[in-house]
C-alpha cells in the first residue's frame, strides 16, 4: 500500500471574496461575450478573448490579486456532455 501525502490547503490571505458583483455583471453582460473568456475584478471587466492566460496576466499586472475567470458558453447551442 502506497501512502501519498497531499498538499496542505491553506486559507486564502485575501479574505472572503464577494461573488455578488461578479454574478450581477455576468447576469447583465453575459450575452455580449458568448463564446469568449472573460476576466473580472469585482464588477469591472479586465478583458475578454479566446485565451484566458494573457487576460489573467493583464489583471495581475493591474494589481488584481484574485481575478475571476469564466468562459461564457453560447446558450443558444445545445450542450452535450458525458459519454456517447
Protein backbone atom coordinates (compact mmCIF):
# COMPACT_ATOMS: atom_id res chain seq x y z
CA UNK A 1 0.00 0.00 0.00
CA UNK A 2 1.41 3.35 -1.01
CA UNK A 3 0.83 6.39 1.07
CA UNK A 4 0.91 9.71 -0.71
CA UNK A 5 0.98 12.94 1.13
CA UNK A 6 -1.42 15.55 -0.18
CA UNK A 7 -0.53 19.21 -0.39
CA UNK A 8 -1.65 21.29 2.54
CA UNK A 9 -4.61 23.53 1.73
CA UNK A 10 -4.35 26.93 3.35
CA UNK A 11 -6.95 29.63 3.80
CA UNK A 12 -6.68 32.49 1.29
CA UNK A 13 -4.82 35.52 2.57
CA UNK A 14 -7.13 37.78 0.56
CA UNK A 15 -10.05 37.01 2.88
CA UNK A 16 -13.63 36.32 1.86
CA UNK A 17 -14.35 37.11 -1.79
CA UNK A 18 -17.72 38.71 -2.50
CA UNK A 19 -19.25 36.96 -5.51
CA UNK A 20 -22.34 39.21 -5.75
CA UNK A 21 -20.74 41.82 -8.02
CA UNK A 22 -19.38 39.17 -10.38
CA UNK A 23 -22.69 37.32 -10.61
CA UNK A 24 -24.55 40.58 -11.27
CA UNK A 25 -22.09 41.59 -14.00
CA UNK A 26 -22.45 38.17 -15.64
CA UNK A 27 -26.23 38.39 -15.48
CA UNK A 28 -26.22 41.78 -17.22
CA UNK A 29 -23.44 41.27 -19.79
CA UNK A 30 -23.24 37.52 -20.49
CA UNK A 31 -24.92 37.85 -23.91
CA UNK A 32 -22.23 40.32 -25.10
CA UNK A 33 -19.35 37.84 -24.67
CA UNK A 34 -20.75 34.45 -25.74
CA UNK A 35 -18.02 32.09 -26.89
CA UNK A 36 -15.29 34.06 -25.11
CA UNK A 37 -13.38 34.04 -21.84
CA UNK A 38 -13.96 36.99 -19.52
CA UNK A 39 -11.76 38.13 -16.65
CA UNK A 40 -13.37 40.26 -13.96
CA UNK A 41 -12.23 42.23 -10.97
CA UNK A 42 -15.44 42.54 -8.99
CA UNK A 43 -17.87 44.12 -11.43
CA UNK A 44 -15.12 45.52 -13.70
CA UNK A 45 -14.28 43.76 -16.94
CA UNK A 46 -10.50 43.41 -17.14
CA UNK A 47 -10.55 41.73 -20.55
CA UNK A 48 -12.14 39.17 -22.85
CA UNK A 49 -10.98 36.89 -25.65
CA UNK A 50 -10.19 33.38 -26.86
CA UNK A 51 -7.32 32.67 -24.42
CA UNK A 52 -7.66 33.45 -20.69
CA UNK A 53 -3.92 33.32 -19.90
CA UNK A 54 -2.93 36.77 -21.23
CA UNK A 55 -6.08 38.20 -19.67
CA UNK A 56 -5.12 36.86 -16.24
CA UNK A 57 -1.59 38.20 -16.72
CA UNK A 58 -3.08 41.60 -17.59
CA UNK A 59 -5.28 41.52 -14.49
CA UNK A 60 -2.32 40.66 -12.26
CA UNK A 61 -0.26 43.44 -13.88
CA UNK A 62 -3.09 45.82 -12.94
CA UNK A 63 -2.86 44.65 -9.32
CA UNK A 64 -5.81 42.24 -9.24
CA UNK A 65 -4.79 39.57 -6.73
CA UNK A 66 -7.68 37.18 -7.42
CA UNK A 67 -9.07 37.63 -10.94
CA UNK A 68 -12.35 35.88 -11.72
CA UNK A 69 -12.17 33.87 -14.97
CA UNK A 70 -15.14 32.33 -16.76
CA UNK A 71 -15.94 31.00 -20.22
CA UNK A 72 -19.26 32.36 -21.49
CA UNK A 73 -20.93 29.46 -23.27
CA UNK A 74 -23.30 30.22 -26.12
CA UNK A 75 -26.63 29.28 -24.54
CA UNK A 76 -28.40 29.09 -27.92
CA UNK A 77 -26.40 25.99 -28.91
CA UNK A 78 -27.23 22.66 -27.29
CA UNK A 79 -24.67 21.36 -24.80
CA UNK A 80 -23.71 17.71 -24.93
CA UNK A 81 -21.84 16.29 -22.01
CA UNK A 82 -20.91 12.82 -20.87
CA UNK A 83 -20.29 9.65 -22.78
CA UNK A 84 -21.64 8.96 -26.24
